Amino acid sequence: MVEDYKLSVYSANMELVKSGLVTFTWGNASAIDRAKGLVIIKPSGVAYDMMSPEDMTVVDLEGRIVEGRLKPSSDTPTHLVLYKAFPEIGGIAHFHSEFATSWAQAGTDIPLLGTTHADYFAGDVPCTREMTDKEIRGDYERETGNVIVERFTSGLLDPLQIPGVLVKNHGPFTWGESVAEAVFHAAVLEQVSKIAYFSHTLNRHYSMNSSLAEKHYSRKHGTGKYYGQ
């Protein structure tokens, strides 16, 4: 039911705030009901402490409002592009946290330097290319989604193995099989961004053993995973 999605999306948005990933209204989270072709997303520019589950806006995959009295997030077109391009994902989070956004503004991939990163991302967290003037002046939010998809397609990256991206000069997006998982990956991304920043400061020339990275990722993912109950 759409009401269940509204509650999960509301809860995910509030978790972004609770986790310290969002300042003011600088973020949003969404979920998709693929059976009905509907996306449920935070309304645009509404303070988190003023929201309720009923305020979540429902749109179709073309961005048309299906249900809700408030305009959807201005980033809705980006979310829609990602949902269409990555059929495995069920939720998306966007935010402007301190360390992940710093890497994005620097236009730099977050390098895979340790096992904390490798537990959740099977490689560097990629950063998109710089957007062109035409893309910026055109359908900007939709083009933001397009440059994300371009980065994954050109790099032959699996969005489930690398559940996040940095948009150059902008900030991070994360996703998952659910909106709750998207927010979890947002918190993980911020933490590995912070660790990578300090690691890179201490030793810019360090690189991680690829066998160790693969071992840590495979412990938690895939058919041979054995971490946890």
Protein backbone atom coordinates (compact mmCIF):
# COMPACT_ATOMS: atom_id res chain seq x y z
CA MET A 1 0.00 0.00 0.00
CA VAL A 2 1.18 3.53 -0.75
CA GLU A 3 0.61 4.49 2.90
CA ASP A 4 3.26 1.97 3.94
CA TYR A 5 5.70 3.52 1.47
CA LYS A 6 4.92 6.99 2.81
CA LEU A 7 5.77 5.86 6.32
CA SER A 8 9.03 4.18 5.26
CA VAL A 9 10.10 7.23 3.22
CA TYR A 10 9.23 9.59 6.06
CA SER A 11 11.19 7.43 8.51
CA ALA A 12 14.18 7.31 6.15
CA ASN A 13 14.21 11.08 5.77
CA MET A 14 14.09 11.52 9.52
CA GLU A 15 16.96 9.04 9.88
CA LEU A 16 19.08 11.23 7.58
CA VAL A 17 18.63 14.04 10.11
CA LYS A 18 19.18 11.78 13.12
CA SER A 19 22.41 10.48 11.58
CA GLY A 20 23.74 14.03 11.13
CA LEU A 21 23.77 13.76 7.35
CA VAL A 22 21.35 16.61 6.68
CA THR A 23 21.47 20.29 7.65
CA PHE A 24 18.29 22.38 7.31
CA THR A 25 16.48 20.90 4.26
CA TRP A 26 19.61 19.79 2.39
CA GLY A 27 18.60 16.25 1.55
CA ASN A 28 15.89 13.85 0.53
CA ALA A 29 15.04 10.18 0.35
CA SER A 30 12.63 8.25 -1.82
CA ALA A 31 11.27 4.76 -2.48
CA ILE A 32 9.73 3.13 -5.53
CA ASP A 33 6.72 0.86 -5.73
CA ARG A 34 7.75 -0.97 -8.88
CA ALA A 35 4.51 -2.92 -9.12
CA LYS A 36 2.56 0.31 -9.46
CA GLY A 37 5.24 2.44 -11.10
CA LEU A 38 5.08 5.06 -8.35
CA VAL A 39 7.81 6.95 -6.50
CA ILE A 40 7.29 8.33 -3.01
CA ILE A 41 9.59 11.21 -2.07
CA LYS A 42 10.09 14.02 0.41
CA PRO A 43 8.37 17.31 -0.48
CA SER A 44 10.56 20.20 -1.65
CA GLY A 45 12.02 22.61 0.89
CA VAL A 46 9.90 21.48 3.84
CA ALA A 47 11.59 21.50 7.26
CA TYR A 48 12.02 18.01 8.63
CA ASP A 49 10.48 18.84 11.99
CA MET A 50 7.35 20.07 10.21
CA MET A 51 6.78 16.90 8.16
CA SER A 52 4.57 13.88 8.69
CA PRO A 53 4.21 10.66 6.67
CA GLU A 54 1.13 12.14 5.00
CA ASP A 55 3.27 14.94 3.56
CA MET A 56 5.29 12.57 1.36
CA THR A 57 4.52 13.18 -2.31
CA VAL A 58 3.69 10.39 -4.77
CA VAL A 59 4.67 10.77 -8.43
CA ASP A 60 4.65 8.50 -11.45
CA LEU A 61 7.80 7.66 -13.40
CA GLU A 62 7.33 10.76 -15.55
CA GLY A 63 7.27 13.00 -12.47
CA ARG A 64 3.54 13.74 -12.52
CA ILE A 65 2.00 14.14 -9.06
CA VAL A 66 -0.36 11.27 -8.31
CA GLU A 67 -1.00 12.01 -4.66
CA GLY A 68 -0.02 14.77 -2.26
CA ARG A 69 -0.66 18.45 -1.62
CA LEU A 70 3.03 19.48 -1.71
CA LYS A 71 5.52 19.73 -4.58
CA PRO A 72 8.01 16.84 -4.67
CA SER A 73 11.71 17.38 -4.03
CA SER A 74 13.47 19.38 -6.73
CA ASP A 75 15.79 16.36 -7.07
CA THR A 76 12.89 14.12 -8.11
CA PRO A 77 14.01 13.97 -11.79
CA THR A 78 17.41 12.65 -10.66
CA HIS A 79 15.76 9.93 -8.60
CA LEU A 80 13.53 8.97 -11.53
CA VAL A 81 16.49 8.58 -13.90
CA LEU A 82 18.23 6.31 -11.41
CA TYR A 83 15.15 4.17 -10.81
CA LYS A 84 14.75 3.67 -14.56
CA ALA A 85 18.45 2.89 -15.13
CA PHE A 86 18.99 0.69 -12.04
CA PRO A 87 16.00 -1.68 -11.83
CA GLU A 88 17.49 -3.54 -8.85
CA ILE A 89 17.23 -0.59 -6.46
CA GLY A 90 14.24 0.27 -4.30
CA GLY A 91 15.30 3.43 -2.52
CA ILE A 92 17.55 6.48 -2.93
CA ALA A 93 19.04 9.05 -0.55
CA HIS A 94 20.64 12.39 -1.37
CA PHE A 95 22.39 14.57 1.18
CA HIS A 96 25.17 17.12 1.68
CA SER A 97 27.20 15.67 4.54
CA GLU A 98 30.55 17.20 5.42
CA PHE A 99 33.13 14.67 4.27
CA ALA A 100 31.38 13.00 1.34
CA THR A 101 30.45 16.41 -0.07
CA SER A 102 34.05 17.56 0.31
CA TRP A 103 35.23 14.70 -1.91
CA ALA A 104 32.47 15.57 -4.39
CA GLN A 105 33.45 19.24 -4.46
CA ALA A 106 37.05 18.21 -5.04
CA GLY A 107 35.86 16.09 -7.97
CA THR A 108 37.66 13.03 -6.66
CA ASP A 109 36.71 9.37 -6.33
CA ILE A 110 36.87 8.08 -2.76
CA PRO A 111 39.69 5.54 -2.93
CA LEU A 112 39.30 2.06 -1.49
CA LEU A 113 41.91 2.13 1.26
CA GLY A 114 40.67 -0.20 3.98
CA THR A 115 38.37 -2.96 5.11
CA THR A 116 35.67 -0.63 6.48
CA HIS A 117 35.17 0.68 2.94
CA ALA A 118 35.52 -2.78 1.39
CA ASP A 119 32.79 -4.21 3.60
CA TYR A 120 30.17 -2.15 1.72
CA PHE A 121 31.67 -0.85 -1.55
CA ALA A 122 33.41 -3.22 -3.99
CA GLY A 123 35.77 -0.53 -5.24
CA ASP A 124 36.35 3.21 -5.18
CA VAL A 125 33.25 5.35 -4.76
CA PRO A 126 33.09 7.06 -8.16
CA CYS A 127 32.75 10.76 -8.86
CA THR A 128 30.97 11.94 -11.99
CA ARG A 129 32.48 14.17 -14.64
CA GLU A 130 31.85 17.90 -14.69
CA MET A 131 28.51 18.79 -16.21
CA THR A 132 28.47 20.86 -19.38
CA ASP A 133 26.91 24.30 -19.63
CA LYS A 134 24.20 22.83 -21.85
CA GLU A 135 23.34 20.20 -19.24
CA ILE A 136 23.29 22.77 -16.45
CA ARG A 137 21.12 25.24 -18.37
CA GLY A 138 18.79 22.53 -19.63
CA ASP A 139 16.91 19.96 -17.56
CA TYR A 140 19.51 20.17 -14.81
CA GLU A 141 18.16 17.63 -12.33
CA ARG A 142 17.45 15.05 -15.02
CA GLU A 143 20.92 15.58 -16.49
CA THR A 144 22.39 15.05 -13.02
CA GLY A 145 20.86 11.59 -13.08
CA ASN A 146 22.18 11.03 -16.58
CA VAL A 147 25.81 11.80 -15.64
CA ILE A 148 25.50 9.36 -12.71
CA VAL A 149 24.25 6.63 -15.03
CA GLU A 150 26.97 7.51 -17.55
CA ARG A 151 29.65 7.05 -14.88
CA PHE A 152 28.37 3.59 -13.98
CA THR A 153 27.83 2.51 -17.57
CA SER A 154 31.20 3.72 -18.83
CA GLY A 155 33.01 2.18 -15.87
CA LEU A 156 31.07 -1.10 -16.05
CA LEU A 157 30.11 -0.58 -12.41
CA ASP A 158 27.41 -2.59 -10.65
CA PRO A 159 25.09 -0.27 -8.68
CA LEU A 160 24.42 -2.98 -6.11
CA GLN A 161 28.12 -3.58 -5.51
CA ILE A 162 28.87 0.15 -5.37
CA PRO A 163 25.68 1.63 -3.86
CA GLY A 164 26.66 5.27 -4.06
CA VAL A 165 28.19 8.04 -6.15
CA LEU A 166 29.55 11.55 -5.86
CA VAL A 167 28.22 14.19 -8.23
CA LYS A 168 31.12 16.54 -8.99
CA ASN A 169 30.80 19.95 -7.30
CA HIS A 170 27.48 18.84 -5.79
CA GLY A 171 27.23 15.94 -3.37
CA PRO A 172 26.53 12.25 -2.81
CA PHE A 173 23.66 9.97 -3.74
CA THR A 174 23.28 6.49 -2.27
CA TRP A 175 20.77 3.72 -2.89
CA GLY A 176 19.78 0.24 -1.86
CA GLU A 177 17.15 -2.44 -2.25
CA SER A 178 14.98 -0.36 0.11
CA VAL A 179 14.93 3.26 1.20
CA ALA A 180 16.12 2.19 4.66
CA GLU A 181 19.16 0.53 3.06
CA ALA A 182 19.79 3.67 0.98
CA VAL A 183 20.02 5.71 4.19
CA PHE A 184 22.22 3.07 5.81
CA HIS A 185 24.59 3.33 2.85
CA ALA A 186 24.50 7.13 3.23
CA ALA A 187 25.78 6.81 6.80
CA VAL A 188 28.43 4.31 5.72
CA LEU A 189 29.54 6.55 2.86
CA GLU A 190 30.01 9.53 5.15
CA GLN A 191 32.08 7.45 7.56
CA VAL A 192 34.34 5.97 4.87
CA SER A 193 34.69 9.44 3.34
CA LYS A 194 35.97 10.72 6.67
CA ILE A 195 38.35 7.80 7.17
CA ALA A 196 39.65 8.11 3.61
CA TYR A 197 40.27 11.82 4.07
CA PHE A 198 42.47 11.28 7.12
CA SER A 199 44.16 8.22 5.60
CA HIS A 200 44.92 10.13 2.41
CA THR A 201 46.28 13.03 4.46
CA LEU A 202 48.63 10.73 6.37
CA ASN A 203 49.82 8.73 3.36
CA ARG A 204 48.75 9.87 -0.09
CA HIS A 205 50.64 7.04 -1.81
CA TYR A 206 49.02 4.11 0.03
CA SER A 207 46.86 1.60 -1.85
CA MET A 208 44.96 -1.40 -0.52
CA ASN A 209 45.76 -5.04 -1.22
CA SER A 210 43.08 -6.13 -3.73
CA SER A 211 42.82 -9.64 -2.24
CA LEU A 212 42.01 -8.16 1.17
CA ALA A 213 39.42 -5.85 -0.35
CA GLU A 214 37.74 -8.71 -2.22
CA LYS A 215 37.80 -10.88 0.92
CA HIS A 216 36.04 -8.29 3.03
CA TYR A 217 33.38 -7.55 0.43
CA SER A 218 32.65 -11.25 -0.20
CA ARG A 219 32.29 -11.93 3.55
CA LYS A 220 29.12 -9.83 3.57
CA HIS A 221 27.81 -10.15 0.01
CA GLY A 222 27.03 -12.79 -2.57
CA THR A 223 26.36 -16.50 -2.35
CA GLY A 224 29.43 -17.22 -0.24
CA LYS A 225 28.83 -14.60 2.45
CA TYR A 226 29.34 -15.75 6.02
CA TYR A 227 29.39 -12.57 8.13
CA GLY A 228 26.46 -12.29 10.55
CA GLN A 229 23.68 -14.68 11.53
